[in-house]
Amino acid sequence: MALTACGSSPEADLEPPESLSERELSSGRSADEQDGQDEPAAAPTPTSARPSPTAAPSPARAGRTIEVAFAGGEVSGDTGRVPVPLNETVTIVVTSDVADEVHLHGYDVSAPVAPGEPATLTFDATIPGVFELELHEVGEELLSVQVS
């Protein structure tokens, strides 16, 4: 069950402490308060909001930008195996002459791409390994991201 503070957005969802029962949550009082004691219930602790993997990076999230293009059945730009340091913020910009979905395996981030409408994938490279970036419908591997 998630609680949302009044006037807050879904990004500010709060999770109740595990020590509170459903009865305590619905009344807003701890078992001690319900038994006549004056100790307040423990305050819910906020969960960390996760940024959208397809959101554009903020200036504070500057990092590595990788650009790749698919046109006429050919891949150009940053192709092959692209090395990225662990914990780097990575933005991948993909242009294509066909409508498709760009998908980065392992991180499970994706975005639509269409002629004249580039796809932008932004993620924090926190999982070491080699991950394929592909055009899903065409089945074309655009590049591999090597996180180490």
C-alpha atoms as a PDB file:
ATOM      1  CA  MET A   1       0.000   0.000   0.000  1.00  0.00           C
ATOM      2  CA  ALA A   2       1.452   3.422  -0.911  1.00  0.00           C
ATOM      3  CA  LEU A   3       0.471   6.681   0.733  1.00  0.00           C
ATOM      4  CA  THR A   4       0.655  10.007  -1.044  1.00  0.00           C
ATOM      5  CA  ALA A   5       1.009  13.199   0.964  1.00  0.00           C
ATOM      6  CA  CYS A   6      -1.633  15.866   0.379  1.00  0.00           C
ATOM      7  CA  GLY A   7      -0.843  18.107  -2.555  1.00  0.00           C
ATOM      8  CA  SER A   8       2.059  15.968  -3.694  1.00  0.00           C
ATOM      9  CA  SER A   9       2.689  14.346  -7.029  1.00  0.00           C
ATOM     10  CA  PRO A  10       3.003  10.568  -7.597  1.00  0.00           C
ATOM     11  CA  GLU A  11       6.785  11.023  -7.551  1.00  0.00           C
ATOM     12  CA  ALA A  12       6.484  11.844  -3.848  1.00  0.00           C
ATOM     13  CA  ASP A  13       4.796   8.560  -2.925  1.00  0.00           C
ATOM     14  CA  LEU A  14       5.413   7.496   0.626  1.00  0.00           C
ATOM     15  CA  GLU A  15       5.662   3.926   1.894  1.00  0.00           C
ATOM     16  CA  PRO A  16       4.501   3.255   5.464  1.00  0.00           C
ATOM     17  CA  PRO A  17       6.975   1.674   7.874  1.00  0.00           C
ATOM     18  CA  GLU A  18       6.575  -2.080   8.007  1.00  0.00           C
ATOM     19  CA  SER A  19       5.887  -1.928  11.748  1.00  0.00           C
ATOM     20  CA  LEU A  20       2.460  -0.268  11.301  1.00  0.00           C
ATOM     21  CA  SER A  21      -0.604  -2.476  10.960  1.00  0.00           C
ATOM     22  CA  GLU A  22      -3.473  -1.813   8.516  1.00  0.00           C
ATOM     23  CA  ARG A  23      -5.617  -0.691  11.496  1.00  0.00           C
ATOM     24  CA  GLU A  24      -2.926   1.798  12.544  1.00  0.00           C
ATOM     25  CA  LEU A  25      -2.611   3.125   8.997  1.00  0.00           C
ATOM     26  CA  SER A  26      -6.358   3.622   8.574  1.00  0.00           C
ATOM     27  CA  SER A  27      -6.728   5.435  11.892  1.00  0.00           C
ATOM     28  CA  GLY A  28      -3.496   7.413  11.554  1.00  0.00           C
ATOM     29  CA  ARG A  29      -2.563   6.345  15.086  1.00  0.00           C
ATOM     30  CA  SER A  30      -0.118   3.745  16.359  1.00  0.00           C
ATOM     31  CA  ALA A  31      -1.206   0.858  18.579  1.00  0.00           C
ATOM     32  CA  ASP A  32       0.316   2.748  21.545  1.00  0.00           C
ATOM     33  CA  GLU A  33      -1.837   5.811  20.809  1.00  0.00           C
ATOM     34  CA  GLN A  34      -4.920   3.657  20.337  1.00  0.00           C
ATOM     35  CA  ASP A  35      -4.264   2.144  23.759  1.00  0.00           C
ATOM     36  CA  GLY A  36      -4.303   5.618  25.352  1.00  0.00           C
ATOM     37  CA  GLN A  37      -0.601   6.465  25.225  1.00  0.00           C
ATOM     38  CA  ASP A  38       0.525   9.789  23.770  1.00  0.00           C
ATOM     39  CA  GLU A  39       3.485   8.642  21.640  1.00  0.00           C
ATOM     40  CA  PRO A  40       2.950   9.665  18.014  1.00  0.00           C
ATOM     41  CA  ALA A  41       3.059   7.068  15.267  1.00  0.00           C
ATOM     42  CA  ALA A  42       6.258   6.771  13.270  1.00  0.00           C
ATOM     43  CA  ALA A  43       6.200   9.062  10.249  1.00  0.00           C
ATOM     44  CA  PRO A  44       6.125   7.370   6.853  1.00  0.00           C
ATOM     45  CA  THR A  45       9.431   7.459   5.031  1.00  0.00           C
ATOM     46  CA  PRO A  46       9.538   8.646   1.410  1.00  0.00           C
ATOM     47  CA  THR A  47      10.708   6.241  -1.262  1.00  0.00           C
ATOM     48  CA  SER A  48      13.288   7.372  -3.742  1.00  0.00           C
ATOM     49  CA  ALA A  49      11.809   8.538  -7.026  1.00  0.00           C
ATOM     50  CA  ARG A  50      13.352   6.863 -10.084  1.00  0.00           C
ATOM     51  CA  PRO A  51      13.885   9.073 -13.105  1.00  0.00           C
ATOM     52  CA  SER A  52      12.309   7.936 -16.335  1.00  0.00           C
ATOM     53  CA  PRO A  53      14.832   6.071 -18.468  1.00  0.00           C
ATOM     54  CA  THR A  54      13.723   8.034 -21.524  1.00  0.00           C
ATOM     55  CA  ALA A  55      13.821  11.456 -19.867  1.00  0.00           C
ATOM     56  CA  ALA A  56      16.273  13.993 -21.215  1.00  0.00           C
ATOM     57  CA  PRO A  57      19.245  14.534 -18.900  1.00  0.00           C
ATOM     58  CA  SER A  58      19.327  17.557 -16.663  1.00  0.00           C
ATOM     59  CA  PRO A  59      22.465  19.726 -16.657  1.00  0.00           C
ATOM     60  CA  ALA A  60      23.528  17.988 -13.423  1.00  0.00           C
ATOM     61  CA  ARG A  61      23.329  14.608 -15.219  1.00  0.00           C
ATOM     62  CA  ALA A  62      25.906  15.398 -17.873  1.00  0.00           C
ATOM     63  CA  GLY A  63      27.709  12.271 -18.986  1.00  0.00           C
ATOM     64  CA  ARG A  64      28.362  10.281 -22.128  1.00  0.00           C
ATOM     65  CA  THR A  65      26.290  10.876 -25.277  1.00  0.00           C
ATOM     66  CA  ILE A  66      26.227   8.177 -27.956  1.00  0.00           C
ATOM     67  CA  GLU A  67      24.717   8.946 -31.374  1.00  0.00           C
ATOM     68  CA  VAL A  68      23.764   6.307 -33.922  1.00  0.00           C
ATOM     69  CA  ALA A  69      21.738   6.422 -37.143  1.00  0.00           C
ATOM     70  CA  PHE A  70      19.900   3.822 -39.219  1.00  0.00           C
ATOM     71  CA  ALA A  71      19.187   4.793 -42.839  1.00  0.00           C
ATOM     72  CA  GLY A  72      18.851   2.785 -46.027  1.00  0.00           C
ATOM     73  CA  GLY A  73      19.443  -0.428 -44.082  1.00  0.00           C
ATOM     74  CA  GLU A  74      22.869   0.775 -42.860  1.00  0.00           C
ATOM     75  CA  VAL A  75      24.028   1.717 -39.345  1.00  0.00           C
ATOM     76  CA  SER A  76      26.362   4.705 -38.892  1.00  0.00           C
ATOM     77  CA  GLY A  77      27.730   6.846 -36.080  1.00  0.00           C
ATOM     78  CA  ASP A  78      28.841   5.303 -32.795  1.00  0.00           C
ATOM     79  CA  THR A  79      28.651   1.650 -33.824  1.00  0.00           C
ATOM     80  CA  GLY A  80      30.289  -1.565 -32.679  1.00  0.00           C
ATOM     81  CA  ARG A  81      31.130  -1.951 -28.994  1.00  0.00           C
ATOM     82  CA  VAL A  82      31.010   1.419 -27.214  1.00  0.00           C
ATOM     83  CA  PRO A  83      32.831   1.498 -23.843  1.00  0.00           C
ATOM     84  CA  VAL A  84      31.132   3.337 -20.960  1.00  0.00           C
ATOM     85  CA  PRO A  85      32.501   3.716 -17.416  1.00  0.00           C
ATOM     86  CA  LEU A  86      30.469   2.156 -14.600  1.00  0.00           C
ATOM     87  CA  ASN A  87      28.064   4.665 -12.962  1.00  0.00           C
ATOM     88  CA  GLU A  88      28.252   7.084 -15.908  1.00  0.00           C
ATOM     89  CA  THR A  89      25.026   8.738 -17.048  1.00  0.00           C
ATOM     90  CA  VAL A  90      24.547   7.699 -20.666  1.00  0.00           C
ATOM     91  CA  THR A  91      22.318   9.285 -23.294  1.00  0.00           C
ATOM     92  CA  ILE A  92      21.819   7.416 -26.556  1.00  0.00           C
ATOM     93  CA  VAL A  93      20.289   9.360 -29.457  1.00  0.00           C
ATOM     94  CA  VAL A  94      19.009   7.248 -32.353  1.00  0.00           C
ATOM     95  CA  THR A  95      17.777   8.515 -35.714  1.00  0.00           C
ATOM     96  CA  SER A  96      16.107   6.218 -38.219  1.00  0.00           C
ATOM     97  CA  ASP A  97      14.455   6.371 -41.622  1.00  0.00           C
ATOM     98  CA  VAL A  98      11.909   3.754 -40.460  1.00  0.00           C
ATOM     99  CA  ALA A  99       9.403   3.813 -37.602  1.00  0.00           C
ATOM    100  CA  ASP A 100      10.382   1.300 -34.924  1.00  0.00           C
ATOM    101  CA  GLU A 101      11.201   0.888 -31.247  1.00  0.00           C
ATOM    102  CA  VAL A 102      14.761   1.249 -29.961  1.00  0.00           C
ATOM    103  CA  HIS A 103      15.512  -1.138 -27.090  1.00  0.00           C
ATOM    104  CA  LEU A 104      18.583  -1.485 -24.849  1.00  0.00           C
ATOM    105  CA  HIS A 105      18.733  -5.034 -23.517  1.00  0.00           C
ATOM    106  CA  GLY A 106      19.739  -5.573 -19.890  1.00  0.00           C
ATOM    107  CA  TYR A 107      18.569  -2.134 -18.830  1.00  0.00           C
ATOM    108  CA  ASP A 108      15.151  -2.640 -20.435  1.00  0.00           C
ATOM    109  CA  VAL A 109      14.843   0.944 -21.603  1.00  0.00           C
ATOM    110  CA  SER A 110      13.154   1.691 -24.902  1.00  0.00           C
ATOM    111  CA  ALA A 111      11.703   4.527 -26.921  1.00  0.00           C
ATOM    112  CA  PRO A 112       9.859   4.945 -30.206  1.00  0.00           C
ATOM    113  CA  VAL A 113      11.785   6.273 -33.190  1.00  0.00           C
ATOM    114  CA  ALA A 114      10.439   7.531 -36.523  1.00  0.00           C
ATOM    115  CA  PRO A 115      11.762   9.486 -39.493  1.00  0.00           C
ATOM    116  CA  GLY A 116      12.337  13.042 -38.268  1.00  0.00           C
ATOM    117  CA  GLU A 117      11.652  11.989 -34.635  1.00  0.00           C
ATOM    118  CA  PRO A 118      14.835  10.736 -32.929  1.00  0.00           C
ATOM    119  CA  ALA A 119      14.669   8.417 -29.914  1.00  0.00           C
ATOM    120  CA  THR A 120      16.542   9.411 -26.775  1.00  0.00           C
ATOM    121  CA  LEU A 121      17.406   6.846 -24.111  1.00  0.00           C
ATOM    122  CA  THR A 122      19.002   8.092 -20.883  1.00  0.00           C
ATOM    123  CA  PHE A 123      20.120   5.755 -18.098  1.00  0.00           C
ATOM    124  CA  ASP A 124      22.738   5.370 -15.378  1.00  0.00           C
ATOM    125  CA  ALA A 125      25.252   2.656 -16.316  1.00  0.00           C
ATOM    126  CA  THR A 126      25.107   0.767 -13.010  1.00  0.00           C
ATOM    127  CA  ILE A 127      25.105  -2.804 -14.371  1.00  0.00           C
ATOM    128  CA  PRO A 128      28.476  -4.008 -15.702  1.00  0.00           C
ATOM    129  CA  GLY A 129      28.468  -6.033 -18.906  1.00  0.00           C
ATOM    130  CA  VAL A 130      27.816  -5.794 -22.644  1.00  0.00           C
ATOM    131  CA  PHE A 131      24.300  -4.792 -23.739  1.00  0.00           C
ATOM    132  CA  GLU A 132      22.850  -4.703 -27.267  1.00  0.00           C
ATOM    133  CA  LEU A 133      20.915  -1.717 -28.571  1.00  0.00           C
ATOM    134  CA  GLU A 134      18.549  -2.760 -31.336  1.00  0.00           C
ATOM    135  CA  LEU A 135      15.729  -1.666 -33.569  1.00  0.00           C
ATOM    136  CA  HIS A 136      13.092  -4.111 -32.391  1.00  0.00           C
ATOM    137  CA  GLU A 137      10.865  -4.640 -35.446  1.00  0.00           C
ATOM    138  CA  VAL A 138      13.659  -4.473 -38.009  1.00  0.00           C
ATOM    139  CA  GLY A 139      15.783  -6.750 -35.800  1.00  0.00           C
ATOM    140  CA  GLU A 140      18.909  -4.695 -36.458  1.00  0.00           C
ATOM    141  CA  GLU A 141      21.607  -4.412 -33.783  1.00  0.00           C
ATOM    142  CA  LEU A 142      22.771  -0.800 -33.776  1.00  0.00           C
ATOM    143  CA  LEU A 143      25.612  -1.098 -31.257  1.00  0.00           C
ATOM    144  CA  SER A 144      26.677  -2.705 -27.975  1.00  0.00           C
ATOM    145  CA  VAL A 145      27.260  -0.738 -24.790  1.00  0.00           C
ATOM    146  CA  GLN A 146      30.146  -2.147 -22.721  1.00  0.00           C
ATOM    147  CA  VAL A 147      29.809  -0.986 -19.112  1.00  0.00           C
ATOM    148  CA  SER A 148      32.929  -1.485 -16.976  1.00  0.00           C
END
